[in-house]
N, C-alpha and C. Protein backbone atom coordinates (compact mmCIF):
# COMPACT_ATOMS: atom_id res chain seq x y z
N UNK A 1 44.11 -30.53 27.44
CA UNK A 1 43.51 -29.11 28.18
C UNK A 1 43.31 -27.83 26.83
N UNK A 2 44.24 -27.66 26.05
CA UNK A 2 44.00 -27.10 24.82
C UNK A 2 42.72 -27.44 24.40
N UNK A 3 42.12 -28.66 23.96
CA UNK A 3 40.80 -29.22 23.24
C UNK A 3 39.70 -29.12 24.27
N UNK A 4 39.78 -29.12 25.63
CA UNK A 4 39.21 -28.49 26.43
C UNK A 4 38.69 -27.01 26.25
N UNK A 5 39.44 -26.17 26.11
CA UNK A 5 39.75 -25.01 26.34
C UNK A 5 38.68 -24.40 25.03
N UNK A 6 38.99 -24.71 23.75
CA UNK A 6 38.44 -24.70 22.65
C UNK A 6 37.21 -25.12 22.58
N UNK A 7 36.37 -25.82 23.10
CA UNK A 7 35.23 -26.74 23.19
C UNK A 7 34.27 -25.70 24.36
N UNK A 8 35.24 -24.99 25.45
CA UNK A 8 34.15 -24.15 26.07
C UNK A 8 34.09 -23.14 25.40
N UNK A 9 35.05 -22.74 24.78
CA UNK A 9 34.72 -21.42 24.03
C UNK A 9 33.91 -21.39 23.07
N UNK A 10 33.84 -22.47 22.23
CA UNK A 10 33.04 -22.93 21.12
C UNK A 10 31.44 -22.93 21.50
N UNK A 11 31.21 -23.43 22.86
CA UNK A 11 29.96 -23.46 23.50
C UNK A 11 29.51 -22.18 24.00
N UNK A 12 30.75 -21.25 24.18
CA UNK A 12 30.41 -19.91 24.81
C UNK A 12 29.80 -19.07 23.13
N UNK A 13 30.71 -19.28 22.38
CA UNK A 13 30.36 -18.58 21.32
C UNK A 13 28.91 -18.66 20.36
N UNK A 14 28.64 -20.22 20.58
CA UNK A 14 27.54 -20.75 20.24
C UNK A 14 26.18 -20.07 20.94
N UNK A 15 26.39 -19.98 22.08
CA UNK A 15 25.32 -19.47 23.29
C UNK A 15 25.52 -18.21 23.14
N UNK A 16 26.12 -17.15 22.51
CA UNK A 16 26.39 -15.94 22.43
C UNK A 16 25.72 -15.55 20.96
N UNK A 17 25.95 -16.32 20.03
CA UNK A 17 25.31 -16.21 19.00
C UNK A 17 23.72 -16.38 18.87
N UNK A 18 23.39 -17.78 19.77
CA UNK A 18 21.90 -17.88 19.67
C UNK A 18 21.22 -16.73 20.16
N UNK A 19 21.59 -16.32 21.27
CA UNK A 19 21.27 -15.09 21.89
C UNK A 19 21.21 -13.63 21.40
N UNK A 20 22.31 -13.31 20.68
CA UNK A 20 22.13 -12.45 19.72
C UNK A 20 20.96 -12.01 18.66
N UNK A 21 21.05 -13.81 18.07
CA UNK A 21 19.71 -13.85 16.61
C UNK A 21 18.31 -13.96 17.33
N UNK A 22 18.38 -14.08 18.74
CA UNK A 22 16.83 -14.49 19.29
C UNK A 22 16.65 -12.96 19.59
N UNK A 23 17.32 -12.05 19.84
CA UNK A 23 17.11 -10.75 20.32
C UNK A 23 17.15 -10.02 19.23
N UNK A 24 17.59 -10.24 17.98
CA UNK A 24 17.08 -9.45 16.93
C UNK A 24 16.02 -10.09 16.41
N UNK A 25 15.71 -11.11 16.20
CA UNK A 25 14.50 -11.62 16.17
C UNK A 25 13.14 -10.65 17.10
N UNK A 26 13.35 -10.95 18.22
CA UNK A 26 12.22 -10.16 19.20
C UNK A 26 12.14 -8.63 19.00
N UNK A 27 13.37 -8.01 18.57
CA UNK A 27 13.45 -6.82 17.84
C UNK A 27 12.38 -6.50 17.06
N UNK A 28 12.64 -7.53 15.78
CA UNK A 28 11.81 -7.02 14.77
C UNK A 28 9.91 -7.53 15.15
N UNK A 29 9.92 -8.43 15.91
CA UNK A 29 8.45 -8.76 15.99
C UNK A 29 8.04 -7.45 17.07
N UNK A 30 8.82 -7.10 17.87
CA UNK A 30 8.35 -6.01 18.79
C UNK A 30 7.94 -4.40 17.40
N UNK A 31 8.87 -4.34 16.31
CA UNK A 31 8.79 -3.30 15.63
C UNK A 31 7.90 -3.48 14.88
N UNK A 32 7.15 -4.72 14.23
CA UNK A 32 6.12 -5.27 13.49
C UNK A 32 4.46 -4.93 14.22
N UNK A 33 5.04 -5.50 15.61
CA UNK A 33 3.68 -5.04 16.33
C UNK A 33 3.32 -3.68 16.44
N UNK A 34 4.46 -2.70 16.56
CA UNK A 34 4.33 -1.58 16.63
C UNK A 34 3.98 -0.70 15.60
N UNK A 35 4.42 -1.38 14.21
CA UNK A 35 3.85 -0.84 12.85
C UNK A 35 2.98 -1.04 12.77
N UNK A 36 2.16 -2.61 13.22
CA UNK A 36 0.73 -3.08 12.64
C UNK A 36 -0.15 -2.30 13.31
N UNK A 37 0.13 -1.99 14.66
CA UNK A 37 -0.69 -0.97 15.62
C UNK A 37 -1.46 0.22 14.93
N UNK A 38 0.09 1.31 13.99
CA UNK A 38 -0.31 2.21 13.59
C UNK A 38 -0.36 2.16 11.98
N UNK A 39 -0.45 0.85 11.53
CA UNK A 39 -0.85 0.83 9.72
C UNK A 39 -2.31 0.37 10.03
N UNK A 40 -2.76 -0.11 11.17
CA UNK A 40 -4.46 -0.52 11.58
C UNK A 40 -4.93 0.86 11.36
N UNK A 41 -4.59 2.02 12.12
CA UNK A 41 -5.55 3.47 12.07
C UNK A 41 -5.54 3.52 10.68
N UNK A 42 -4.49 3.35 9.43
CA UNK A 42 -4.76 3.73 8.16
C UNK A 42 -5.45 2.67 7.19
N UNK A 43 -6.17 1.66 7.46
CA UNK A 43 -6.81 0.67 7.04
C UNK A 43 -8.27 1.32 7.81
N UNK A 44 -8.28 2.08 8.61
CA UNK A 44 -9.68 2.32 9.51
C UNK A 44 -9.78 3.75 8.58
N UNK A 45 -8.69 4.74 8.12
CA UNK A 45 -8.75 5.69 7.52
C UNK A 45 -8.93 5.67 6.24
N UNK A 46 -8.82 4.62 5.58
CA UNK A 46 -8.73 4.12 3.80
C UNK A 46 -10.39 3.81 3.84
N UNK A 47 -10.71 2.76 5.00
CA UNK A 47 -12.13 2.69 4.78
C UNK A 47 -13.19 3.26 4.48
N UNK A 48 -12.89 4.68 5.74
CA UNK A 48 -13.95 5.70 5.95
C UNK A 48 -14.04 6.68 4.91
N UNK A 49 -12.34 6.69 4.21
CA UNK A 49 -12.29 7.72 2.71
C UNK A 49 -13.09 7.20 1.60
N UNK A 50 -12.93 6.03 1.54
CA UNK A 50 -13.01 5.08 0.21
C UNK A 50 -14.08 4.17 -0.02
N UNK A 51 -14.59 3.46 1.28
CA UNK A 51 -15.78 3.10 1.33
C UNK A 51 -17.31 3.52 1.21
N UNK A 52 -17.52 4.17 0.08
CA UNK A 52 -18.89 4.50 0.12
C UNK A 52 -19.19 4.01 -1.29
N UNK A 53 -20.63 4.46 -1.74
CA UNK A 53 -21.42 4.30 -2.91
C UNK A 53 -21.42 2.79 -3.41
N UNK A 54 -21.87 1.93 -2.01
CA UNK A 54 -22.04 0.84 -1.91
C UNK A 54 -20.67 -0.35 -1.73
N UNK A 55 -19.56 0.53 -1.49
CA UNK A 55 -18.63 -0.61 -0.91
C UNK A 55 -18.52 -0.64 0.63
N UNK A 56 -18.45 -1.69 1.19
CA UNK A 56 -18.89 -1.59 2.61
C UNK A 56 -17.76 -1.96 3.02
N UNK A 57 -16.62 -2.74 2.36
CA UNK A 57 -15.09 -3.43 2.88
C UNK A 57 -14.33 -3.05 2.18
N UNK A 58 -13.13 -2.83 2.52
CA UNK A 58 -11.85 -2.63 2.09
C UNK A 58 -10.67 -3.65 2.29
N UNK A 59 -10.26 -3.96 1.18
CA UNK A 59 -9.00 -5.17 0.88
C UNK A 59 -7.75 -4.58 1.62
N UNK A 60 -7.02 -5.58 2.26
CA UNK A 60 -5.93 -5.37 2.79
C UNK A 60 -4.98 -6.54 3.01
N UNK A 61 -3.74 -6.15 2.95
CA UNK A 61 -2.80 -7.26 3.29
C UNK A 61 -1.76 -6.62 3.87
N UNK A 62 -0.92 -7.20 4.81
CA UNK A 62 0.42 -7.13 5.32
C UNK A 62 1.59 -7.67 4.62
N UNK A 63 2.46 -7.38 4.32
CA UNK A 63 3.59 -8.25 3.30
C UNK A 63 4.90 -7.42 3.37
N UNK A 64 6.21 -8.00 3.68
CA UNK A 64 7.10 -7.08 3.67
C UNK A 64 7.72 -7.16 2.42
N UNK A 65 7.62 -5.78 1.88
CA UNK A 65 7.36 -5.88 0.47
C UNK A 65 9.21 -5.16 0.17
N UNK A 66 9.62 -4.56 0.89
CA UNK A 66 11.17 -4.18 1.00
C UNK A 66 12.31 -4.46 1.53
N UNK A 67 12.03 -5.80 2.57
CA UNK A 67 12.81 -6.92 2.77
C UNK A 67 13.92 -6.04 4.13
N UNK A 68 12.90 -5.81 4.56
CA UNK A 68 13.53 -4.70 6.05
C UNK A 68 12.60 -5.74 7.22
N UNK A 69 11.99 -6.90 7.10
CA UNK A 69 11.32 -7.65 8.17
C UNK A 69 10.56 -7.05 8.80
N UNK A 70 10.01 -6.11 8.36
CA UNK A 70 8.86 -4.95 9.26
C UNK A 70 7.72 -5.01 7.70
N UNK A 71 6.59 -5.66 8.47
CA UNK A 71 5.76 -5.91 7.36
C UNK A 71 4.81 -4.23 6.88
N UNK A 72 4.69 -3.86 5.60
CA UNK A 72 4.26 -2.82 4.85
C UNK A 72 2.74 -3.23 5.02
N UNK A 73 1.65 -2.39 5.13
CA UNK A 73 0.30 -2.53 4.68
C UNK A 73 -0.07 -2.13 3.07
N UNK A 74 -0.65 -3.08 2.60
CA UNK A 74 -1.23 -2.87 1.02
C UNK A 74 -2.82 -2.85 1.17
N UNK A 75 -3.16 -1.32 0.47
CA UNK A 75 -4.90 -1.58 0.62
C UNK A 75 -5.21 -1.54 -0.58
N UNK A 76 -6.47 -1.87 -0.86
CA UNK A 76 -7.35 -1.78 -2.09
C UNK A 76 -8.30 -0.86 -2.14
N UNK A 77 -8.39 0.43 -2.32
CA UNK A 77 -9.47 1.11 -2.42
C UNK A 77 -10.21 0.97 -3.83
N UNK A 78 -9.60 0.54 -4.70
CA UNK A 78 -10.54 0.07 -5.98
C UNK A 78 -10.94 1.13 -7.26
N UNK A 79 -10.50 2.24 -6.77
CA UNK A 79 -10.99 3.48 -7.76
C UNK A 79 -9.82 3.45 -9.01
N UNK A 80 -10.26 4.00 -10.03
CA UNK A 80 -9.27 4.26 -11.10
C UNK A 80 -8.23 4.97 -10.73
N UNK A 81 -8.05 5.83 -10.32
CA UNK A 81 -7.12 6.86 -9.38
C UNK A 81 -6.31 6.45 -8.71
N UNK A 82 -6.82 5.47 -7.85
CA UNK A 82 -6.25 4.86 -6.78
C UNK A 82 -6.95 3.07 -6.34
N UNK A 83 -5.88 2.40 -7.34
CA UNK A 83 -6.47 1.45 -7.31
C UNK A 83 -6.02 0.19 -6.07
N UNK A 84 -4.76 0.30 -5.57
CA UNK A 84 -4.05 0.12 -4.64
C UNK A 84 -2.93 1.14 -4.14
N UNK A 85 -2.76 1.22 -2.64
CA UNK A 85 -1.77 1.58 -2.25
C UNK A 85 -0.69 0.88 -1.51
N UNK A 86 0.50 1.19 -1.11
CA UNK A 86 1.51 0.77 0.03
C UNK A 86 1.68 1.51 1.02
N UNK A 87 1.25 1.47 2.13
CA UNK A 87 2.12 2.09 3.09
C UNK A 87 3.11 1.65 4.02
N UNK A 88 4.08 2.42 5.05
CA UNK A 88 5.18 1.90 5.22
C UNK A 88 5.40 2.78 6.80
N UNK A 89 5.71 1.92 7.79
CA UNK A 89 5.51 2.43 9.11
C UNK A 89 7.35 3.01 9.09
N UNK A 90 7.70 4.36 9.49
CA UNK A 90 8.84 4.63 8.81
C UNK A 90 9.21 6.16 10.16
N UNK A 91 9.92 5.63 10.90
CA UNK A 91 10.27 6.82 12.37
C UNK A 91 9.16 7.39 13.02
N UNK A 92 8.46 6.20 13.13
CA UNK A 92 6.89 6.61 13.90
C UNK A 92 5.65 7.08 13.35
N UNK A 93 5.83 6.88 12.05
CA UNK A 93 4.93 7.66 11.25
C UNK A 93 4.20 6.82 10.02
N UNK A 94 3.49 6.72 9.64
CA UNK A 94 2.74 6.09 8.66
C UNK A 94 2.76 6.89 7.11
N UNK A 95 3.83 6.34 6.28
CA UNK A 95 3.75 7.07 4.82
C UNK A 95 3.28 6.32 4.00
N UNK A 96 2.76 6.47 2.76
CA UNK A 96 2.19 6.28 1.65
C UNK A 96 3.37 6.21 0.60
N UNK A 97 3.93 5.07 0.14
CA UNK A 97 5.29 4.63 -0.52
C UNK A 97 5.22 4.75 -1.97
N UNK A 98 4.06 3.95 -1.95
CA UNK A 98 3.60 4.01 -3.56
C UNK A 98 2.12 3.65 -3.88
N UNK A 99 1.92 3.91 -4.98
CA UNK A 99 0.12 3.57 -5.52
C UNK A 99 0.13 3.28 -6.64
N UNK A 100 -0.96 2.83 -7.42
CA UNK A 100 -1.06 2.34 -8.50
C UNK A 100 -2.56 2.71 -8.63
N UNK A 101 -2.90 3.40 -10.07
CA UNK A 101 -4.15 3.56 -10.39
C UNK A 101 -4.54 2.62 -11.83
N UNK A 102 -5.77 2.29 -12.24
CA UNK A 102 -5.98 2.07 -13.41
C UNK A 102 -5.11 0.30 -13.56
N UNK A 103 -4.92 0.08 -12.57
CA UNK A 103 -3.95 -1.64 -12.65
C UNK A 103 -4.01 -1.89 -11.14
N UNK A 104 -2.92 -3.01 -11.03
CA UNK A 104 -2.60 -3.74 -9.99
C UNK A 104 -1.06 -3.61 -9.80
N UNK A 105 -0.39 -3.77 -8.52
CA UNK A 105 0.66 -4.20 -8.21
C UNK A 105 0.91 -6.00 -8.71
N UNK A 106 1.88 -5.83 -9.32
CA UNK A 106 2.19 -7.32 -9.96
C UNK A 106 3.16 -8.40 -8.96
N UNK A 107 3.98 -7.70 -9.22
CA UNK A 107 5.31 -8.58 -8.65
C UNK A 107 6.18 -7.60 -7.32
N UNK A 108 6.86 -7.85 -6.08
CA UNK A 108 7.49 -7.26 -5.46
C UNK A 108 8.94 -8.43 -5.43
N UNK A 109 9.96 -7.69 -5.25
CA UNK A 109 11.30 -8.33 -5.24
C UNK A 109 11.95 -7.51 -4.07
N UNK A 110 11.67 -8.31 -2.96
CA UNK A 110 12.35 -7.63 -1.57
C UNK A 110 13.78 -7.26 -1.22
N UNK A 111 14.44 -8.32 -2.20
CA UNK A 111 16.14 -8.48 -1.85
C UNK A 111 16.56 -7.04 -2.64
N UNK A 112 15.96 -6.49 -3.69
CA UNK A 112 16.49 -5.57 -4.60
C UNK A 112 15.24 -4.13 -4.17
N UNK A 113 14.39 -4.77 -3.45
CA UNK A 113 13.60 -3.21 -3.10
C UNK A 113 12.92 -2.55 -4.36
N UNK A 114 12.47 -4.05 -5.27
CA UNK A 114 11.58 -2.95 -6.51
C UNK A 114 10.27 -3.95 -6.16
N UNK A 115 9.06 -3.00 -7.18
CA UNK A 115 7.80 -3.35 -7.35
C UNK A 115 7.76 -3.28 -8.96
N UNK A 116 6.86 -4.31 -9.32
CA UNK A 116 6.76 -4.33 -10.65
C UNK A 116 4.95 -3.98 -10.90
N UNK A 117 4.79 -3.29 -11.73
CA UNK A 117 3.12 -3.26 -12.41
C UNK A 117 3.27 -3.57 -13.50
N UNK A 118 2.45 -4.44 -14.06
CA UNK A 118 2.22 -4.91 -15.63
C UNK A 118 0.53 -4.55 -16.09
N UNK A 119 0.83 -3.49 -16.85
CA UNK A 119 -0.46 -3.15 -17.70
C UNK A 119 -1.16 -2.61 -16.81
N UNK A 120 -0.70 -1.36 -16.37
CA UNK A 120 -1.82 -0.52 -15.95
C UNK A 120 -1.62 1.04 -16.91
N UNK A 121 -3.13 1.20 -17.07
CA UNK A 121 -3.86 2.27 -17.72
C UNK A 121 -5.39 1.90 -18.39
N UNK A 122 -5.38 2.75 -19.22
CA UNK A 122 -6.30 3.00 -20.15
C UNK A 122 -6.30 3.64 -21.56
N UNK A 123 -7.75 3.98 -21.70
CA UNK A 123 -7.83 4.62 -23.23
C UNK A 123 -6.93 4.29 -24.24
N UNK A 124 -6.38 3.06 -24.53
CA UNK A 124 -5.54 2.71 -25.69
C UNK A 124 -4.08 2.66 -24.99
N UNK A 125 -3.64 2.72 -24.05
CA UNK A 125 -2.76 3.04 -23.47
C UNK A 125 -2.16 2.13 -22.19
N UNK A 126 -1.29 1.01 -22.07
CA UNK A 126 -1.07 0.32 -21.15
C UNK A 126 0.41 0.62 -20.46
N UNK A 127 0.92 0.39 -19.37
CA UNK A 127 2.56 0.58 -18.87
C UNK A 127 2.69 -0.85 -18.26
N UNK A 128 3.83 -0.97 -18.30
CA UNK A 128 4.51 -1.79 -17.56
C UNK A 128 5.75 -0.77 -16.94
N UNK A 129 5.46 -1.06 -15.18
CA UNK A 129 6.35 0.12 -14.80
C UNK A 129 7.49 -0.74 -13.78
N UNK A 130 8.48 -0.38 -13.32
CA UNK A 130 9.59 -0.60 -12.63
C UNK A 130 9.38 -0.04 -11.68
N UNK A 131 9.32 0.13 -10.01
CA UNK A 131 9.79 1.27 -9.25
C UNK A 131 10.82 0.85 -8.45
N UNK A 132 11.74 1.68 -7.97
CA UNK A 132 12.69 1.03 -6.92
C UNK A 132 12.52 2.22 -5.69
N UNK A 133 12.89 1.52 -4.52
CA UNK A 133 13.17 1.95 -3.19
C UNK A 133 14.42 2.92 -3.15
N UNK A 134 13.65 4.00 -3.04
CA UNK A 134 14.97 5.11 -2.93
C UNK A 134 14.38 6.00 -1.83
N UNK A 135 15.20 6.76 -0.84
CA UNK A 135 14.77 7.38 0.20
C UNK A 135 13.43 7.21 0.92
N UNK A 136 13.33 6.16 1.09
CA UNK A 136 11.73 6.19 1.99
C UNK A 136 10.41 6.17 1.34
N UNK A 137 10.87 5.55 -0.23
CA UNK A 137 9.45 5.74 -1.29
C UNK A 137 10.22 5.48 -2.52
N UNK A 138 8.96 4.81 -3.11
CA UNK A 138 9.33 4.16 -4.14
C UNK A 138 9.22 5.25 -5.75
N UNK A 139 10.17 4.94 -6.50
CA UNK A 139 10.18 5.59 -7.79
C UNK A 139 10.27 5.30 -8.62
N UNK A 140 9.42 5.69 -9.65
CA UNK A 140 9.81 4.87 -11.50
C UNK A 140 11.16 5.09 -11.87
N UNK A 141 11.85 3.49 -12.02
CA UNK A 141 12.87 3.36 -12.77
C UNK A 141 12.74 3.04 -13.90
N UNK A 142 11.62 2.54 -14.44
CA UNK A 142 11.64 1.94 -15.98
C UNK A 142 10.21 1.71 -16.21
N UNK A 143 9.97 1.98 -17.66
CA UNK A 143 8.50 1.89 -18.02
C UNK A 143 8.71 1.42 -19.37
N UNK A 144 7.50 0.62 -20.10
CA UNK A 144 7.31 0.20 -21.25
C UNK A 144 6.14 0.71 -21.41
N UNK A 145 5.81 1.39 -22.29
CA UNK A 145 4.35 2.06 -22.56
C UNK A 145 4.15 1.54 -24.03
N UNK A 146 2.93 1.23 -23.40
CA UNK A 146 2.20 0.13 -24.97
C UNK A 146 1.03 1.32 -25.68
N UNK A 147 1.27 1.62 -26.55
CA UNK A 147 0.13 2.32 -27.15
C UNK A 147 -0.73 1.22 -28.30
N UNK A 148 -2.10 1.16 -28.02
CA UNK A 148 -2.64 -0.21 -28.77
C UNK A 148 -3.68 1.19 -30.01
N UNK A 149 -3.63 2.29 -29.88
CA UNK A 149 -4.44 2.89 -30.63
C UNK A 149 -5.91 2.58 -30.58
N UNK A 150 -6.34 2.49 -31.53
CA UNK A 150 -7.86 1.80 -31.58
C UNK A 150 -8.11 0.49 -31.39
N UNK A 151 -7.08 -0.06 -30.99
CA UNK A 151 -7.13 -1.91 -31.61
C UNK A 151 -7.53 -2.13 -29.74
N UNK A 152 -7.61 -3.78 -29.55
CA UNK A 152 -7.94 -4.25 -28.66
C UNK A 152 -6.71 -4.51 -28.06
N UNK A 153 -6.77 -4.58 -26.41
CA UNK A 153 -5.60 -4.95 -25.88
C UNK A 153 -5.04 -6.25 -25.84
N UNK A 154 -5.73 -7.36 -26.60
CA UNK A 154 -5.69 -8.54 -27.15
C UNK A 154 -4.34 -8.42 -28.30
N UNK A 155 -4.69 -7.79 -29.09
CA UNK A 155 -4.00 -7.61 -30.35
C UNK A 155 -2.23 -6.95 -29.72
N UNK A 156 -1.61 -7.01 -30.50
CA UNK A 156 -0.08 -6.52 -30.45
C UNK A 156 -0.15 -4.91 -30.36
N UNK A 157 0.30 -3.91 -29.78
CA UNK A 157 0.45 -2.67 -29.66
C UNK A 157 1.22 -1.79 -30.84
N UNK A 158 0.24 -0.77 -31.17
CA UNK A 158 1.12 -0.10 -32.52
C UNK A 158 2.16 0.61 -32.37
N UNK A 159 2.43 0.80 -30.80
CA UNK A 159 4.01 1.37 -30.56
C UNK A 159 4.11 1.07 -29.01
N UNK A 160 5.48 0.86 -28.85
CA UNK A 160 6.33 0.46 -27.72
C UNK A 160 7.62 1.49 -27.17
N UNK A 161 7.13 2.22 -26.26
CA UNK A 161 8.19 3.24 -26.01
C UNK A 161 8.94 2.78 -24.71
N UNK A 162 10.13 2.89 -24.56
CA UNK A 162 10.54 2.43 -23.30
C UNK A 162 11.77 3.30 -22.43
N UNK A 163 11.42 3.64 -21.43
CA UNK A 163 12.13 4.70 -20.77
C UNK A 163 12.97 4.23 -19.34
N UNK A 164 14.00 4.71 -19.45
CA UNK A 164 14.57 4.26 -17.96
C UNK A 164 15.27 5.70 -17.03
N UNK A 165 14.89 5.77 -16.22
CA UNK A 165 15.06 6.92 -15.13
C UNK A 165 14.69 8.03 -16.37
N UNK A 166 13.17 8.14 -16.47
CA UNK A 166 12.66 9.23 -17.32
C UNK A 166 13.49 9.28 -18.85
N UNK A 167 14.37 8.62 -19.06
CA UNK A 167 15.04 8.89 -20.65
C UNK A 167 14.58 7.61 -21.27
N UNK A 168 14.28 8.28 -22.61
CA UNK A 168 13.86 7.17 -23.63
C UNK A 168 15.19 6.29 -24.05
N UNK A 169 14.98 5.08 -24.18
CA UNK A 169 15.95 3.92 -24.26
C UNK A 169 15.49 3.40 -25.22
N UNK A 170 16.40 2.33 -25.93
CA UNK A 170 16.11 0.97 -26.66
C UNK A 170 15.63 -0.17 -25.98
N UNK A 171 14.67 -0.97 -26.49
CA UNK A 171 13.93 -1.95 -26.15
C UNK A 171 15.24 -2.78 -25.55
N UNK A 172 16.58 -3.00 -25.99
CA UNK A 172 17.56 -4.01 -25.50
C UNK A 172 17.95 -3.10 -24.17
N UNK A 173 18.13 -1.86 -24.34
CA UNK A 173 18.84 -1.24 -23.11
C UNK A 173 17.86 -1.21 -21.80
N UNK A 174 16.44 -1.34 -22.17
CA UNK A 174 15.37 -1.38 -20.95
C UNK A 174 15.52 -2.92 -20.79
N UNK A 175 15.67 -3.85 -21.15
CA UNK A 175 15.89 -5.35 -21.07
C UNK A 175 17.21 -5.40 -20.07
N UNK A 176 17.93 -4.51 -20.63
CA UNK A 176 19.30 -4.75 -19.78
C UNK A 176 19.04 -4.38 -18.46
N UNK A 177 18.37 -2.91 -18.24
CA UNK A 177 18.45 -2.75 -17.17
C UNK A 177 17.43 -3.02 -16.23
N UNK A 178 16.17 -3.53 -16.29
CA UNK A 178 15.21 -4.43 -15.68
C UNK A 178 16.08 -5.71 -15.12
N UNK A 179 16.79 -6.41 -15.86
CA UNK A 179 17.42 -7.43 -15.24
C UNK A 179 18.66 -7.13 -14.10
N UNK A 180 19.00 -5.96 -14.60
CA UNK A 180 19.92 -5.64 -13.81
C UNK A 180 19.30 -5.18 -12.14
N UNK A 181 18.39 -4.38 -12.35
CA UNK A 181 17.54 -3.88 -11.50
C UNK A 181 16.88 -5.04 -10.40
N UNK A 182 16.93 -6.67 -10.92
CA UNK A 182 16.40 -7.70 -10.26
C UNK A 182 17.18 -8.31 -9.99
N UNK A 183 18.52 -8.45 -10.57
CA UNK A 183 19.42 -9.47 -10.49
C UNK A 183 19.22 -10.81 -10.23
N UNK A 184 18.36 -11.30 -11.34
CA UNK A 184 17.66 -12.72 -10.92
C UNK A 184 16.89 -13.47 -9.63
N UNK A 185 16.74 -12.18 -8.90
CA UNK A 185 15.64 -12.72 -8.15
C UNK A 185 13.87 -12.79 -8.60
N UNK A 186 13.50 -13.71 -8.16
CA UNK A 186 12.42 -14.26 -8.53
C UNK A 186 11.08 -13.04 -7.91
N UNK A 187 11.04 -12.47 -8.85
CA UNK A 187 9.39 -11.91 -7.96
C UNK A 187 8.66 -12.71 -7.21
N UNK A 188 7.79 -11.88 -6.14
CA UNK A 188 6.87 -12.65 -5.36
C UNK A 188 5.36 -12.07 -6.17
N UNK A 189 4.45 -13.03 -6.26
CA UNK A 189 3.13 -11.95 -6.63
C UNK A 189 2.08 -11.52 -5.68
N UNK A 190 1.85 -10.40 -6.03
CA UNK A 190 1.00 -9.45 -4.54
C UNK A 190 -0.27 -10.44 -4.69
N UNK A 191 -1.03 -10.96 -5.80
CA UNK A 191 -2.07 -11.75 -5.89
C UNK A 191 -2.17 -12.63 -5.01
N UNK A 192 -1.34 -13.87 -5.14
CA UNK A 192 -1.13 -14.65 -3.97
C UNK A 192 -1.24 -14.45 -2.43
N UNK A 193 -0.78 -13.26 -1.97
CA UNK A 193 -0.83 -12.70 -0.61
C UNK A 193 -2.25 -12.98 -0.17
N UNK A 194 -2.15 -13.48 0.96
CA UNK A 194 -3.47 -14.08 1.67
C UNK A 194 -4.04 -12.01 2.28
N UNK A 195 -4.94 -12.02 1.17
CA UNK A 195 -5.71 -10.86 1.26
C UNK A 195 -6.92 -10.87 2.11
N UNK A 196 -7.41 -9.91 3.08
CA UNK A 196 -8.31 -9.86 3.99
C UNK A 196 -9.14 -8.89 3.73
N UNK A 197 -10.54 -8.81 4.24
CA UNK A 197 -11.23 -7.66 4.44
C UNK A 197 -11.78 -6.72 5.86
N UNK A 198 -11.61 -5.50 5.26
CA UNK A 198 -12.03 -4.73 6.67
C UNK A 198 -13.29 -3.71 6.92
């Protein structure tokens, strides 16, 4: 009798868990659908604003950058001042949460809500940035600023300045902070996403 009761309870618990997990998946799918509708309007707005002077389409992709199971929109206007932008659907509104100029988003770490940008810049200075998701937007957490002076970018920089949370630090402190920031998570490449054109 006791074994039969345990089996019945186990089956009931399994059914409840199945229902709860399928409900949360359905809720996430609904959230994604609602977010995509709103974000589609942002693609149209970006195309209207940035596609001129010979450009007829804008590159875009949806991806869950911050690990919340709701995809963000990444657009690529392709201008020096705004090469790429990330938009998030928050509380019924579309919000630009990250941008990069003179470079591209390189990797994202959804578990730790971190974005990495490698070699953004021009005029003899390139920077590597780590941005952390804080209060609904990405804020710069660490930077390695590489000054090439008059040298080619293929050569070693003349000077590298490291900062963490806007404070100058040593290379060792920077490396330790970056390692802690991503905690061993292997970053996902933005370039390997399935980009489309609108």
